[in-house]
Amino acid sequence: GQATLLNRSYPTLRSLGQVMAQHPQLKIRIEGHVNGVGHTPEEWDTGFLQSLSEDRAKRVYRYLIELGIEAERLETIGYGATRMLQLYATPDEKEAINRRVEIVIVDL
């Protein structure tokens, strides 16, 4: 239920920052996702999952800005739990697959 960067994510994000620095025309979309399995209808209805997915994308966005990537080259979107990879995920290892941020190239 958080939008924090994991220690294991930093090397990948630094590499992404380097690639973007080397290719100044590159634009990306940062897509946030969450795991909806096991959440109550209230959590779905109140927008908690949607907000969390947006926060995850925005956290990666802020990190890339900190690395010196221009904001106009980045866009964010949160998909909530609408694009889970494991619809009936259990145990937690499979649920973790649904909690992710994906990078999509928008323009070269």
N, C-alpha and C. Protein backbone atom coordinates (compact mmCIF):
# COMPACT_ATOMS: atom_id res chain seq x y z
N GLY A 1 0.79 -1.21 0.00
CA GLY A 1 0.00 0.00 0.00
C GLY A 1 0.83 1.26 0.00
N GLN A 2 2.05 1.19 -0.55
CA GLN A 2 2.91 2.37 -0.54
C GLN A 2 3.46 2.66 -1.92
N ALA A 3 3.97 3.87 -2.07
CA ALA A 3 4.58 4.29 -3.34
C ALA A 3 6.04 4.62 -3.08
N THR A 4 6.77 3.64 -2.59
CA THR A 4 8.19 3.85 -2.31
C THR A 4 9.02 3.04 -3.30
N LEU A 5 10.19 3.56 -3.59
CA LEU A 5 11.10 2.84 -4.47
C LEU A 5 11.82 1.76 -3.68
N LEU A 6 11.90 0.57 -4.25
CA LEU A 6 12.62 -0.52 -3.62
C LEU A 6 14.11 -0.39 -3.93
N ASN A 7 14.94 -0.82 -3.02
CA ASN A 7 16.39 -0.74 -3.24
C ASN A 7 16.80 -1.41 -4.54
N ARG A 8 16.16 -2.50 -4.87
CA ARG A 8 16.53 -3.23 -6.09
C ARG A 8 16.11 -2.47 -7.36
N SER A 9 15.30 -1.43 -7.22
CA SER A 9 14.85 -0.66 -8.38
C SER A 9 15.83 0.42 -8.81
N TYR A 10 16.66 0.87 -7.89
CA TYR A 10 17.55 2.00 -8.19
C TYR A 10 18.50 1.74 -9.36
N PRO A 11 19.16 0.59 -9.45
CA PRO A 11 20.05 0.38 -10.61
C PRO A 11 19.31 0.47 -11.94
N THR A 12 18.12 -0.08 -12.02
CA THR A 12 17.34 -0.02 -13.25
C THR A 12 16.93 1.41 -13.56
N LEU A 13 16.51 2.14 -12.56
CA LEU A 13 16.11 3.52 -12.79
C LEU A 13 17.29 4.41 -13.16
N ARG A 14 18.44 4.15 -12.56
CA ARG A 14 19.63 4.91 -12.95
C ARG A 14 20.00 4.61 -14.40
N SER A 15 19.89 3.35 -14.80
CA SER A 15 20.16 2.97 -16.20
C SER A 15 19.18 3.66 -17.14
N LEU A 16 17.92 3.71 -16.75
CA LEU A 16 16.92 4.41 -17.55
C LEU A 16 17.29 5.88 -17.68
N GLY A 17 17.71 6.49 -16.58
CA GLY A 17 18.13 7.89 -16.61
C GLY A 17 19.31 8.10 -17.54
N GLN A 18 20.26 7.18 -17.54
CA GLN A 18 21.42 7.28 -18.43
C GLN A 18 21.01 7.18 -19.89
N VAL A 19 20.13 6.24 -20.19
CA VAL A 19 19.65 6.08 -21.57
C VAL A 19 18.93 7.35 -22.01
N MET A 20 18.13 7.90 -21.14
CA MET A 20 17.39 9.11 -21.50
C MET A 20 18.34 10.29 -21.67
N ALA A 21 19.38 10.35 -20.87
CA ALA A 21 20.37 11.42 -21.01
C ALA A 21 21.12 11.31 -22.34
N GLN A 22 21.38 10.08 -22.78
CA GLN A 22 22.09 9.84 -24.03
C GLN A 22 21.20 10.06 -25.25
N HIS A 23 19.89 10.00 -25.04
CA HIS A 23 18.92 10.15 -26.14
C HIS A 23 17.91 11.23 -25.77
N PRO A 24 18.28 12.49 -25.94
CA PRO A 24 17.43 13.59 -25.47
C PRO A 24 16.07 13.69 -26.16
N GLN A 25 15.87 12.99 -27.26
CA GLN A 25 14.58 13.00 -27.93
C GLN A 25 13.62 11.96 -27.36
N LEU A 26 14.12 11.06 -26.54
CA LEU A 26 13.32 9.97 -25.99
C LEU A 26 12.30 10.49 -24.98
N LYS A 27 11.04 10.09 -25.17
CA LYS A 27 9.96 10.43 -24.24
C LYS A 27 9.32 9.13 -23.78
N ILE A 28 8.94 9.10 -22.51
CA ILE A 28 8.36 7.87 -21.95
C ILE A 28 7.07 8.17 -21.18
N ARG A 29 6.29 7.10 -21.03
CA ARG A 29 5.12 7.12 -20.15
C ARG A 29 5.41 6.16 -19.00
N ILE A 30 5.18 6.62 -17.80
CA ILE A 30 5.41 5.82 -16.60
C ILE A 30 4.04 5.35 -16.11
N GLU A 31 3.83 4.04 -16.14
CA GLU A 31 2.52 3.47 -15.83
C GLU A 31 2.56 2.76 -14.47
N GLY A 32 1.70 3.19 -13.56
CA GLY A 32 1.62 2.58 -12.24
C GLY A 32 0.50 1.55 -12.16
N HIS A 33 0.78 0.46 -11.45
CA HIS A 33 -0.18 -0.63 -11.29
C HIS A 33 -0.20 -1.09 -9.83
N VAL A 34 -1.30 -1.67 -9.43
CA VAL A 34 -1.41 -2.22 -8.07
C VAL A 34 -2.05 -3.60 -8.13
N ASN A 35 -1.97 -4.30 -7.02
CA ASN A 35 -2.62 -5.59 -6.88
C ASN A 35 -3.99 -5.36 -6.23
N GLY A 36 -5.04 -5.81 -6.88
CA GLY A 36 -6.38 -5.65 -6.33
C GLY A 36 -6.89 -6.86 -5.60
N VAL A 37 -6.17 -7.97 -5.69
CA VAL A 37 -6.62 -9.20 -5.05
C VAL A 37 -6.63 -9.01 -3.54
N GLY A 38 -7.75 -9.36 -2.92
CA GLY A 38 -7.85 -9.28 -1.47
C GLY A 38 -8.27 -7.93 -0.94
N HIS A 39 -8.46 -6.94 -1.79
CA HIS A 39 -8.90 -5.63 -1.33
C HIS A 39 -10.42 -5.60 -1.23
N THR A 40 -10.90 -4.81 -0.32
CA THR A 40 -12.34 -4.71 -0.09
C THR A 40 -13.00 -3.88 -1.20
N PRO A 41 -14.31 -4.06 -1.39
CA PRO A 41 -15.03 -3.22 -2.37
C PRO A 41 -14.89 -1.73 -2.05
N GLU A 42 -14.81 -1.40 -0.77
CA GLU A 42 -14.65 0.00 -0.38
C GLU A 42 -13.32 0.57 -0.90
N GLU A 43 -12.26 -0.24 -0.84
CA GLU A 43 -10.96 0.22 -1.33
C GLU A 43 -11.00 0.44 -2.84
N TRP A 44 -11.77 -0.38 -3.54
CA TRP A 44 -11.93 -0.18 -4.97
C TRP A 44 -12.78 1.07 -5.22
N ASP A 45 -13.89 1.20 -4.48
CA ASP A 45 -14.84 2.29 -4.71
C ASP A 45 -14.30 3.65 -4.31
N THR A 46 -13.50 3.73 -3.29
CA THR A 46 -13.02 5.03 -2.82
C THR A 46 -11.89 5.58 -3.67
N GLY A 47 -11.41 4.80 -4.59
CA GLY A 47 -10.31 5.25 -5.43
C GLY A 47 -8.95 5.03 -4.82
N PHE A 48 -8.88 4.32 -3.70
CA PHE A 48 -7.61 4.06 -3.04
C PHE A 48 -6.61 3.39 -3.98
N LEU A 49 -7.06 2.35 -4.68
CA LEU A 49 -6.16 1.62 -5.58
C LEU A 49 -5.73 2.48 -6.76
N GLN A 50 -6.65 3.27 -7.28
CA GLN A 50 -6.32 4.17 -8.38
C GLN A 50 -5.28 5.20 -7.93
N SER A 51 -5.52 5.80 -6.79
CA SER A 51 -4.58 6.80 -6.27
C SER A 51 -3.21 6.20 -6.00
N LEU A 52 -3.18 5.00 -5.46
CA LEU A 52 -1.91 4.34 -5.18
C LEU A 52 -1.13 4.09 -6.48
N SER A 53 -1.82 3.65 -7.52
CA SER A 53 -1.13 3.41 -8.79
C SER A 53 -0.58 4.72 -9.36
N GLU A 54 -1.33 5.79 -9.24
CA GLU A 54 -0.86 7.09 -9.71
C GLU A 54 0.35 7.55 -8.89
N ASP A 55 0.29 7.34 -7.58
CA ASP A 55 1.41 7.73 -6.72
C ASP A 55 2.68 6.95 -7.06
N ARG A 56 2.54 5.70 -7.41
CA ARG A 56 3.71 4.89 -7.78
C ARG A 56 4.35 5.43 -9.06
N ALA A 57 3.53 5.77 -10.03
CA ALA A 57 4.07 6.34 -11.27
C ALA A 57 4.73 7.69 -10.99
N LYS A 58 4.10 8.50 -10.18
CA LYS A 58 4.65 9.82 -9.86
C LYS A 58 5.96 9.72 -9.09
N ARG A 59 6.12 8.68 -8.28
CA ARG A 59 7.37 8.52 -7.53
C ARG A 59 8.53 8.26 -8.48
N VAL A 60 8.32 7.42 -9.48
CA VAL A 60 9.36 7.16 -10.48
C VAL A 60 9.62 8.45 -11.27
N TYR A 61 8.57 9.16 -11.62
CA TYR A 61 8.70 10.44 -12.31
C TYR A 61 9.60 11.40 -11.52
N ARG A 62 9.34 11.54 -10.23
CA ARG A 62 10.15 12.44 -9.38
C ARG A 62 11.61 11.99 -9.33
N TYR A 63 11.84 10.71 -9.27
CA TYR A 63 13.22 10.22 -9.23
C TYR A 63 13.94 10.56 -10.54
N LEU A 64 13.28 10.38 -11.65
CA LEU A 64 13.91 10.71 -12.93
C LEU A 64 14.18 12.21 -13.04
N ILE A 65 13.30 13.02 -12.51
CA ILE A 65 13.52 14.47 -12.47
C ILE A 65 14.78 14.76 -11.63
N GLU A 66 14.90 14.07 -10.50
CA GLU A 66 16.08 14.24 -9.64
C GLU A 66 17.37 13.87 -10.39
N LEU A 67 17.27 12.94 -11.33
CA LEU A 67 18.43 12.54 -12.13
C LEU A 67 18.74 13.54 -13.25
N GLY A 68 17.87 14.53 -13.41
CA GLY A 68 18.11 15.56 -14.42
C GLY A 68 17.32 15.41 -15.70
N ILE A 69 16.37 14.49 -15.73
CA ILE A 69 15.54 14.31 -16.93
C ILE A 69 14.45 15.39 -16.92
N GLU A 70 14.24 16.02 -18.07
CA GLU A 70 13.27 17.10 -18.18
C GLU A 70 11.84 16.57 -18.06
N ALA A 71 11.02 17.30 -17.32
CA ALA A 71 9.64 16.89 -17.05
C ALA A 71 8.83 16.72 -18.32
N GLU A 72 9.09 17.55 -19.34
CA GLU A 72 8.29 17.46 -20.57
C GLU A 72 8.55 16.18 -21.35
N ARG A 73 9.54 15.40 -20.95
CA ARG A 73 9.83 14.13 -21.60
C ARG A 73 9.15 12.96 -20.90
N LEU A 74 8.45 13.25 -19.82
CA LEU A 74 7.85 12.22 -18.99
C LEU A 74 6.36 12.46 -18.84
N GLU A 75 5.60 11.39 -18.89
CA GLU A 75 4.18 11.47 -18.54
C GLU A 75 3.87 10.30 -17.62
N THR A 76 2.86 10.47 -16.80
CA THR A 76 2.48 9.41 -15.87
C THR A 76 1.01 9.08 -16.01
N ILE A 77 0.71 7.84 -15.68
CA ILE A 77 -0.68 7.40 -15.62
C ILE A 77 -0.76 6.26 -14.61
N GLY A 78 -1.86 6.21 -13.89
CA GLY A 78 -2.12 5.11 -12.98
C GLY A 78 -3.29 4.30 -13.49
N TYR A 79 -3.14 3.00 -13.50
CA TYR A 79 -4.20 2.12 -13.98
C TYR A 79 -4.94 1.40 -12.86
N GLY A 80 -4.62 1.72 -11.62
CA GLY A 80 -5.26 1.02 -10.52
C GLY A 80 -4.98 -0.47 -10.64
N ALA A 81 -6.02 -1.26 -10.42
CA ALA A 81 -5.89 -2.72 -10.53
C ALA A 81 -6.54 -3.24 -11.80
N THR A 82 -6.67 -2.37 -12.81
CA THR A 82 -7.37 -2.77 -14.03
C THR A 82 -6.53 -3.59 -14.98
N ARG A 83 -5.22 -3.64 -14.75
CA ARG A 83 -4.34 -4.38 -15.66
C ARG A 83 -3.45 -5.35 -14.89
N MET A 84 -4.06 -6.11 -13.99
CA MET A 84 -3.30 -7.09 -13.22
C MET A 84 -2.82 -8.21 -14.14
N LEU A 85 -1.60 -8.66 -13.92
CA LEU A 85 -1.04 -9.77 -14.69
C LEU A 85 -1.48 -11.11 -14.13
N GLN A 86 -1.72 -11.16 -12.82
CA GLN A 86 -2.18 -12.37 -12.13
C GLN A 86 -3.53 -12.04 -11.49
N LEU A 87 -4.62 -12.41 -12.16
CA LEU A 87 -5.95 -12.05 -11.66
C LEU A 87 -6.33 -12.74 -10.36
N TYR A 88 -5.88 -13.93 -10.17
CA TYR A 88 -6.23 -14.69 -8.96
C TYR A 88 -4.96 -15.03 -8.20
N ALA A 89 -4.14 -14.02 -8.01
CA ALA A 89 -2.80 -14.22 -7.45
C ALA A 89 -2.84 -14.52 -5.96
N THR A 90 -2.24 -15.62 -5.60
CA THR A 90 -1.88 -15.95 -4.23
C THR A 90 -0.74 -16.94 -4.36
N PRO A 91 0.15 -17.06 -3.53
CA PRO A 91 0.43 -16.23 -2.37
C PRO A 91 1.06 -14.89 -2.77
N ASP A 92 1.67 -14.24 -1.79
CA ASP A 92 2.17 -12.89 -1.98
C ASP A 92 3.17 -12.77 -3.12
N GLU A 93 3.95 -13.81 -3.41
CA GLU A 93 4.93 -13.72 -4.49
C GLU A 93 4.24 -13.44 -5.82
N LYS A 94 3.11 -14.07 -6.05
CA LYS A 94 2.37 -13.83 -7.29
C LYS A 94 1.68 -12.47 -7.25
N GLU A 95 1.18 -12.08 -6.08
CA GLU A 95 0.54 -10.78 -5.95
C GLU A 95 1.52 -9.66 -6.26
N ALA A 96 2.78 -9.86 -5.93
CA ALA A 96 3.80 -8.84 -6.17
C ALA A 96 3.95 -8.52 -7.65
N ILE A 97 3.63 -9.46 -8.52
CA ILE A 97 3.70 -9.24 -9.96
C ILE A 97 2.74 -8.12 -10.37
N ASN A 98 1.64 -8.01 -9.68
CA ASN A 98 0.65 -6.98 -10.00
C ASN A 98 1.08 -5.60 -9.52
N ARG A 99 1.94 -5.53 -8.52
CA ARG A 99 2.42 -4.26 -7.97
C ARG A 99 3.67 -3.86 -8.74
N ARG A 100 3.51 -2.97 -9.70
CA ARG A 100 4.65 -2.66 -10.56
C ARG A 100 4.49 -1.29 -11.20
N VAL A 101 5.59 -0.84 -11.77
CA VAL A 101 5.61 0.35 -12.61
C VAL A 101 6.24 -0.08 -13.93
N GLU A 102 5.59 0.24 -15.02
CA GLU A 102 6.11 -0.10 -16.34
C GLU A 102 6.47 1.18 -17.08
N ILE A 103 7.49 1.08 -17.92
CA ILE A 103 7.95 2.20 -18.73
C ILE A 103 7.60 1.91 -20.18
N VAL A 104 6.94 2.84 -20.84
CA VAL A 104 6.56 2.70 -22.24
C VAL A 104 7.20 3.85 -23.02
N ILE A 105 7.85 3.51 -24.12
CA ILE A 105 8.42 4.54 -24.99
C ILE A 105 7.29 5.19 -25.77
N VAL A 106 7.20 6.51 -25.66
CA VAL A 106 6.16 7.27 -26.33
C VAL A 106 6.67 7.86 -27.65
N ASP A 107 7.91 8.34 -27.64
CA ASP A 107 8.47 8.98 -28.83
C ASP A 107 9.98 8.83 -28.82
N LEU A 108 10.53 8.58 -29.99
CA LEU A 108 11.96 8.51 -30.17
C LEU A 108 12.41 9.74 -30.93
